[in-house]
Amino acid sequence: MTGRARRTAAGMVAAGLLFGLAACGEGGEKRAAASGGDDGTGCAAAKGKTVGFSEPLPDPNFQAIEQIVAKALAKYGAKLKAVNANLNPGKQISDINTLMQQQVDALIANPVDPNATQGVFAQVRQKKIPIIVLDTKVGGPYFTTIHDDVDFAGADGAKELKRIVGDGKVAAMFGPSFAELLNWEKAAFEAGAKESGLNVVERQVNQKITPADAKAIAESWRQKYGADLKGIWTFNDTSAIGAASALGGGFAPAIVSINGQPDAIPLVKAGKISATYGVPYDKTGQALAYAALRAICGAKVPQEIWIPTVKLDKTNVDTWQPIAQRVNNPFSIAFEQREGKTYAKLD
């Protein structure tokens, strides 16, 4: 499941155009321009087409992404039809069936349960409708997969804690295991901790994903370790905010998190959260729109597109732009290769 208020709920869970050439498939060949007024993203053939968007839950991040995708499609005369599963896999399957019946020309989907949607995805393929998925590694083949790079955030977050606390004791607060994205994040954190020699002495799950439950977990660590606990990793900013509310009386572990959500930014500025890893969701939306338009225009794109996560601390947090302010950013999509992966370039 997606994202960072995306990720929060997942645990329960784009003035001118500037475009880059994309690699196609694993061979990294440059994409040949399609006919029909193709400018590298959309084309004349997109006029009158419809893209379906199956979202997993009501969420401000998805609302902003939806606006970004709709604006990008509208430039070429295409439209977006969005439906919301409300975290119900059965409803999502029904929603996708409805989009098929409405004869959408491409489908964007962020599965609530990627295993449950494989059957309906097979039906979508039979109708020759390209599928663009967000934040899943289950199933396929898909036209492309967009990934928010929580793998980097988890691994680098462990290394950041090691840099801050040295050999000090650290506790880790993870999300529910049924959320696919949170499992990637957890595995990456554990790998980063092992590589850096981070001394993780406690691991607990914030099952309800509320600040109150995160505070309760942090307070239990406070009772057990007191000032000896030097660091806390949290899988999202909602948990980081809760953990920060437990600080005081000599209990002052460095907190490192992931989200970049607006209500955590003041805590980063104040030093109560040492760092958080923000996802630039405007690039997520732009990548989804790019992929959908390329699908409609009959062009190829990378098999996977990764959206970088950005470490935010006191040195750069003032430059971070919340998602609500990113909706009207100019559409700009270009790619770069990093360690064999295709990343969307940040502006």
Protein backbone atom coordinates (compact mmCIF):
# COMPACT_ATOMS: atom_id res chain seq x y z
CA MET A 1 0.00 0.00 0.00
CA THR A 2 1.19 3.51 -0.60
CA GLY A 3 2.62 6.20 0.86
CA ARG A 4 2.96 8.27 3.96
CA ALA A 5 -0.27 9.56 4.95
CA ARG A 6 -0.55 6.75 2.42
CA ARG A 7 1.82 4.80 4.59
CA THR A 8 -0.05 5.79 7.72
CA ALA A 9 -3.31 4.32 6.46
CA ALA A 10 -1.57 1.56 4.59
CA GLY A 11 -0.68 0.08 7.91
CA MET A 12 -4.27 -0.15 9.28
CA VAL A 13 -1.49 1.12 5.96
CA ALA A 14 2.22 18.91 -11.67
CA ALA A 15 4.20 26.77 -17.59
CA GLY A 16 6.07 24.59 -19.62
CA LEU A 17 6.73 20.93 -19.92
CA LEU A 18 10.22 19.54 -19.43
CA PHE A 19 10.57 15.89 -20.33
CA GLY A 20 13.36 13.32 -20.30
CA LEU A 21 13.78 10.29 -22.51
CA ALA A 22 12.86 7.09 -20.72
CA ALA A 23 14.59 3.74 -20.93
CA CYS A 24 12.40 0.90 -22.10
CA GLY A 25 12.49 -2.52 -20.52
CA GLU A 26 15.60 -3.98 -19.00
CA GLY A 27 17.81 -3.19 -21.95
CA GLY A 28 17.77 0.52 -21.28
CA GLU A 29 17.12 1.43 -24.92
CA LYS A 30 15.88 4.91 -25.59
CA ARG A 31 12.20 5.15 -26.37
CA ALA A 32 11.34 6.02 -29.96
CA ALA A 33 8.85 8.83 -30.33
CA ALA A 34 5.40 7.64 -31.33
CA SER A 35 3.44 9.26 -34.13
CA GLY A 36 0.47 11.57 -33.81
CA GLY A 37 1.92 14.74 -32.28
CA ASP A 38 3.86 12.96 -29.54
CA ASP A 39 5.87 15.39 -27.40
CA GLY A 40 7.52 12.76 -25.21
CA THR A 41 4.70 12.36 -22.69
CA GLY A 42 1.28 12.72 -24.29
CA CYS A 43 0.11 12.66 -27.89
CA ALA A 44 -2.83 13.66 -30.09
CA ALA A 45 -4.19 10.12 -29.77
CA ALA A 46 -4.82 10.73 -26.05
CA LYS A 47 -7.71 13.10 -26.80
CA GLY A 48 -10.98 11.67 -25.55
CA LYS A 49 -9.34 8.77 -23.70
CA THR A 50 -10.03 7.88 -20.06
CA VAL A 51 -7.66 6.63 -17.39
CA GLY A 52 -9.08 4.77 -14.41
CA PHE A 53 -7.47 5.25 -11.02
CA SER A 54 -8.24 2.75 -8.26
CA GLU A 55 -7.09 4.33 -4.99
CA PRO A 56 -6.83 2.29 -1.79
CA LEU A 57 -8.20 4.78 0.75
CA PRO A 58 -9.45 8.33 1.31
CA ASP A 59 -6.31 10.32 2.05
CA PRO A 60 -5.01 13.87 1.44
CA ASN A 61 -1.94 12.54 -0.38
CA PHE A 62 -4.10 10.58 -2.82
CA GLN A 63 -6.37 13.57 -3.33
CA ALA A 64 -3.34 15.65 -4.30
CA ILE A 65 -1.91 12.89 -6.54
CA GLU A 66 -5.31 12.58 -8.22
CA GLN A 67 -5.32 16.32 -8.98
CA ILE A 68 -1.80 16.13 -10.43
CA VAL A 69 -2.69 13.18 -12.68
CA ALA A 70 -5.97 14.76 -13.81
CA LYS A 71 -4.24 18.04 -14.74
CA ALA A 72 -1.54 16.24 -16.73
CA LEU A 73 -4.11 14.17 -18.63
CA ALA A 74 -6.28 17.20 -19.34
CA LYS A 75 -3.42 18.89 -21.24
CA TYR A 76 -3.88 16.20 -23.91
CA GLY A 77 -7.65 16.03 -23.79
CA ALA A 78 -7.77 12.89 -21.67
CA LYS A 79 -9.65 12.54 -18.40
CA LEU A 80 -9.27 10.70 -15.11
CA LYS A 81 -11.94 8.59 -13.43
CA ALA A 82 -10.94 7.90 -9.83
CA VAL A 83 -12.56 5.41 -7.46
CA ASN A 84 -11.71 4.70 -3.85
CA ALA A 85 -11.65 1.29 -2.16
CA ASN A 86 -11.85 2.58 1.42
CA LEU A 87 -9.32 -0.13 2.41
CA ASN A 88 -11.74 -2.84 1.26
CA PRO A 89 -10.17 -5.35 -1.18
CA GLY A 90 -13.61 -6.56 -2.28
CA LYS A 91 -14.73 -3.03 -3.08
CA GLN A 92 -11.50 -2.45 -5.02
CA ILE A 93 -12.15 -5.52 -7.17
CA SER A 94 -15.70 -4.30 -7.80
CA ASP A 95 -14.40 -0.80 -8.60
CA ILE A 96 -11.92 -2.16 -11.15
CA ASN A 97 -14.63 -4.28 -12.76
CA THR A 98 -16.73 -1.14 -13.08
CA LEU A 99 -13.84 0.75 -14.69
CA MET A 100 -13.44 -2.11 -17.18
CA GLN A 101 -17.15 -1.97 -18.02
CA GLN A 102 -16.75 1.76 -18.58
CA GLN A 103 -13.98 0.91 -21.07
CA VAL A 104 -11.13 2.90 -19.60
CA ASP A 105 -8.06 3.05 -21.85
CA ALA A 106 -5.51 2.55 -19.06
CA LEU A 107 -5.71 1.61 -15.38
CA ILE A 108 -3.71 2.99 -12.46
CA ALA A 109 -4.10 0.93 -9.31
CA ASN A 110 -2.63 0.95 -5.81
CA PRO A 111 -3.79 -2.40 -4.43
CA VAL A 112 -5.19 -2.69 -0.93
CA ASP A 113 -4.37 -6.40 -1.10
CA PRO A 114 -2.16 -7.13 -4.14
CA ASN A 115 -2.86 -10.85 -3.97
CA ALA A 116 -6.62 -10.32 -3.99
CA THR A 117 -6.49 -8.13 -7.10
CA GLN A 118 -4.55 -10.57 -9.30
CA GLY A 119 -7.74 -12.16 -10.67
CA VAL A 120 -9.29 -8.88 -11.74
CA PHE A 121 -5.94 -7.68 -13.11
CA ALA A 122 -5.91 -10.78 -15.34
CA GLN A 123 -9.31 -9.75 -16.69
CA VAL A 124 -8.00 -6.22 -17.33
CA ARG A 125 -5.09 -7.69 -19.33
CA GLN A 126 -7.48 -9.82 -21.39
CA LYS A 127 -9.17 -6.59 -22.46
CA LYS A 128 -5.76 -5.20 -23.52
CA ILE A 129 -5.94 -2.40 -20.95
CA PRO A 130 -2.46 -1.38 -19.73
CA ILE A 131 -2.04 -1.54 -15.94
CA ILE A 132 0.17 0.87 -14.00
CA VAL A 133 0.58 -0.15 -10.37
CA LEU A 134 1.83 1.82 -7.40
CA ASP A 135 3.88 0.36 -4.58
CA THR A 136 3.49 -3.36 -5.09
CA LYS A 137 5.91 -6.11 -6.02
CA VAL A 138 3.21 -8.77 -6.31
CA GLY A 139 2.01 -10.17 -9.62
CA GLY A 140 2.39 -8.73 -13.08
CA PRO A 141 3.31 -8.24 -15.78
CA TYR A 142 2.34 -4.59 -15.55
CA PHE A 143 2.88 -1.77 -18.03
CA THR A 144 5.08 -0.30 -15.30
CA THR A 145 5.38 -0.15 -11.53
CA ILE A 146 5.93 3.10 -9.62
CA HIS A 147 7.75 2.70 -6.30
CA ASP A 148 8.17 5.24 -3.51
CA ASP A 149 11.71 4.40 -2.37
CA VAL A 150 11.09 3.44 1.24
CA ASP A 151 13.90 0.89 0.88
CA PHE A 152 16.41 3.76 0.85
CA ALA A 153 14.65 5.54 3.70
CA GLY A 154 14.65 2.48 5.93
CA ALA A 155 18.29 1.57 5.32
CA ASP A 156 19.57 5.14 5.47
CA GLY A 157 17.46 5.84 8.55
CA ALA A 158 19.26 3.07 10.42
CA LYS A 159 22.61 4.50 9.34
CA GLU A 160 21.52 7.99 10.38
CA LEU A 161 20.66 6.70 13.84
CA LYS A 162 24.06 5.00 14.04
CA ARG A 163 25.71 8.30 13.14
CA ILE A 164 23.77 10.10 15.89
CA VAL A 165 23.91 7.59 18.75
CA GLY A 166 27.05 5.57 18.01
CA ASP A 167 26.95 2.41 20.12
CA GLY A 168 23.93 3.58 22.12
CA LYS A 169 20.80 1.50 22.50
CA VAL A 170 18.03 1.96 19.93
CA ALA A 171 14.41 0.82 19.74
CA ALA A 172 12.44 0.34 16.53
CA MET A 173 8.72 0.90 16.06
CA PHE A 174 7.35 -0.91 12.99
CA GLY A 175 4.00 -0.97 11.22
CA PRO A 176 1.54 -3.87 10.82
CA SER A 177 2.96 -6.75 8.84
CA PHE A 178 0.05 -7.10 6.41
CA ALA A 179 1.00 -3.82 4.69
CA GLU A 180 3.36 -4.64 1.81
CA LEU A 181 5.11 -1.25 1.78
CA LEU A 182 5.76 -1.38 5.50
CA ASN A 183 7.37 -4.80 5.15
CA TRP A 184 9.84 -3.39 2.59
CA GLU A 185 10.61 -0.52 4.93
CA LYS A 186 11.15 -2.82 7.89
CA ALA A 187 13.42 -5.18 5.94
CA ALA A 188 15.47 -2.22 4.69
CA PHE A 189 15.83 -0.82 8.20
CA GLU A 190 16.94 -4.18 9.57
CA ALA A 191 19.49 -4.54 6.75
CA GLY A 192 20.80 -1.02 7.37
CA ALA A 193 21.01 -1.68 11.09
CA LYS A 194 22.97 -4.86 10.54
CA GLU A 195 25.34 -3.23 8.05
CA SER A 196 26.03 -0.23 10.29
CA GLY A 197 26.21 -2.14 13.57
CA LEU A 198 23.24 -0.30 15.07
CA ASN A 199 22.45 -1.62 18.56
CA VAL A 200 18.69 -2.34 18.28
CA VAL A 201 17.51 -3.64 21.64
CA GLU A 202 13.72 -3.41 21.22
CA ARG A 203 11.27 -3.93 18.35
CA GLN A 204 7.54 -3.35 18.65
CA VAL A 205 4.60 -2.85 16.27
CA ASN A 206 2.30 0.17 16.45
CA GLN A 207 -0.66 -1.92 15.34
CA LYS A 208 -3.26 0.84 15.49
CA ILE A 209 -0.95 3.45 13.98
CA THR A 210 -2.03 6.24 16.28
CA PRO A 211 0.08 8.81 18.15
CA ALA A 212 -1.42 7.61 21.42
CA ASP A 213 -0.30 4.03 20.86
CA ALA A 214 3.15 5.20 19.75
CA LYS A 215 3.41 7.28 22.91
CA ALA A 216 2.46 4.28 25.03
CA ILE A 217 5.15 2.16 23.38
CA ALA A 218 7.76 4.89 23.87
CA GLU A 219 6.76 5.29 27.50
CA SER A 220 7.21 1.57 28.08
CA TRP A 221 10.73 1.92 26.69
CA ARG A 222 11.25 4.92 28.93
CA GLN A 223 10.35 2.83 31.97
CA LYS A 224 12.64 0.01 30.92
CA TYR A 225 15.69 1.93 29.67
CA GLY A 226 15.38 5.53 30.83
CA ALA A 227 18.24 7.73 29.64
CA ASP A 228 20.09 4.65 28.33
CA LEU A 229 17.85 4.53 25.25
CA LYS A 230 19.59 6.82 22.80
CA GLY A 231 17.50 6.42 19.66
CA ILE A 232 14.10 5.45 18.23
CA TRP A 233 13.18 4.51 14.65
CA THR A 234 9.52 4.93 13.71
CA PHE A 235 7.96 3.67 10.48
CA ASN A 236 5.93 6.85 9.95
CA ASP A 237 5.62 10.39 11.25
CA THR A 238 2.37 9.68 13.07
CA SER A 239 4.33 7.33 15.30
CA ALA A 240 7.25 9.76 15.55
CA ILE A 241 4.90 12.48 16.82
CA GLY A 242 3.55 10.12 19.45
CA ALA A 243 7.04 9.02 20.51
CA ALA A 244 8.19 12.65 20.72
CA SER A 245 5.38 13.39 23.16
CA ALA A 246 6.94 10.87 25.58
CA LEU A 247 10.26 12.74 25.77
CA GLY A 248 11.31 14.48 28.96
CA GLY A 249 12.81 13.92 32.38
CA GLY A 250 16.13 12.75 31.00
CA PHE A 251 14.50 10.55 28.36
CA ALA A 252 15.70 12.13 25.13
CA PRO A 253 16.34 9.52 22.42
CA ALA A 254 16.98 10.77 18.90
CA ILE A 255 13.93 10.00 16.74
CA VAL A 256 14.30 9.18 13.05
CA SER A 257 11.18 8.60 10.94
CA ILE A 258 9.71 8.58 7.47
CA ASN A 259 6.92 10.72 5.94
CA GLY A 260 7.76 14.40 5.76
CA GLN A 261 4.17 15.10 6.81
CA PRO A 262 3.36 18.73 7.70
CA ASP A 263 2.66 18.23 11.40
CA ALA A 264 6.07 16.60 11.92
CA ILE A 265 8.03 19.45 10.33
CA PRO A 266 7.85 21.77 13.39
CA LEU A 267 9.18 18.92 15.54
CA VAL A 268 12.13 18.49 13.18
CA LYS A 269 12.79 22.22 13.40
CA ALA A 270 12.62 22.02 17.20
CA GLY A 271 14.95 19.00 17.33
CA LYS A 272 12.38 16.68 18.88
CA ILE A 273 12.50 14.58 15.71
CA SER A 274 16.09 14.36 14.50
CA ALA A 275 15.22 13.46 10.90
CA THR A 276 12.38 12.23 8.71
CA TYR A 277 12.46 10.96 5.14
CA GLY A 278 10.01 12.79 2.90
CA VAL A 279 8.39 11.38 -0.23
CA PRO A 280 7.91 14.04 -2.95
CA TYR A 281 4.40 12.93 -3.88
CA ASP A 282 4.17 15.40 -6.76
CA LYS A 283 6.76 13.22 -8.51
CA THR A 284 4.69 10.14 -7.69
CA GLY A 285 1.68 11.76 -9.37
CA GLN A 286 3.71 12.99 -12.33
CA ALA A 287 5.22 9.54 -12.87
CA LEU A 288 1.75 7.96 -12.79
CA ALA A 289 0.44 10.50 -15.31
CA TYR A 290 3.49 10.04 -17.54
CA ALA A 291 3.09 6.26 -17.54
CA ALA A 292 -0.65 6.44 -18.26
CA LEU A 293 -0.14 8.83 -21.18
CA ARG A 294 2.68 6.73 -22.63
CA ALA A 295 0.43 3.67 -22.38
CA ILE A 296 -2.39 5.45 -24.23
CA CYS A 297 0.09 6.66 -26.88
CA GLY A 298 1.47 3.16 -27.44
CA ALA A 299 4.99 3.98 -26.23
CA LYS A 300 7.31 2.19 -23.84
CA VAL A 301 8.48 3.28 -20.40
CA PRO A 302 10.85 1.79 -17.81
CA GLN A 303 9.55 -1.41 -16.25
CA GLU A 304 9.94 0.22 -12.84
CA ILE A 305 10.14 3.89 -11.88
CA TRP A 306 11.42 4.81 -8.44
CA ILE A 307 10.53 8.02 -6.60
CA PRO A 308 13.43 9.15 -4.37
CA THR A 309 12.91 9.79 -0.67
CA VAL A 310 14.66 12.81 0.85
CA LYS A 311 16.21 13.05 4.30
CA LEU A 312 14.91 16.10 6.15
CA ASP A 313 16.67 17.49 9.20
CA LYS A 314 17.42 20.92 10.64
CA THR A 315 19.77 21.69 7.74
CA ASN A 316 17.14 21.50 5.01
CA VAL A 317 13.67 21.11 6.50
CA ASP A 318 12.78 24.75 5.75
CA THR A 319 12.98 23.94 2.03
CA TRP A 320 10.50 21.06 2.20
CA GLN A 321 7.23 21.66 0.37
CA PRO A 322 4.08 19.93 1.66
CA ILE A 323 2.04 17.97 -0.86
CA ALA A 324 -0.82 20.51 -0.83
CA GLN A 325 1.63 23.10 -2.18
CA ARG A 326 3.00 20.71 -4.81
CA VAL A 327 -0.23 20.22 -6.75
CA ASN A 328 0.37 23.29 -8.93
CA ASN A 329 4.08 22.72 -9.49
CA PRO A 330 5.08 22.66 -13.18
CA PHE A 331 4.94 19.17 -14.66
CA SER A 332 8.53 18.03 -15.09
CA ILE A 333 9.48 14.40 -15.59
CA ALA A 334 12.96 13.12 -16.40
CA PHE A 335 14.89 10.06 -15.30
CA GLU A 336 18.31 9.04 -14.08
CA GLN A 337 19.95 5.70 -13.39
CA ARG A 338 21.13 4.80 -9.89
CA GLU A 339 22.50 1.38 -9.07
CA GLY A 340 20.56 -0.25 -11.89
CA LYS A 341 17.25 1.46 -11.06
CA THR A 342 15.40 4.17 -12.97
CA TYR A 343 14.63 7.15 -10.71
CA ALA A 344 12.50 10.19 -11.37
CA LYS A 345 14.75 13.24 -11.12
CA LEU A 346 13.87 15.75 -8.45
CA ASP A 347 13.65 19.39 -9.53
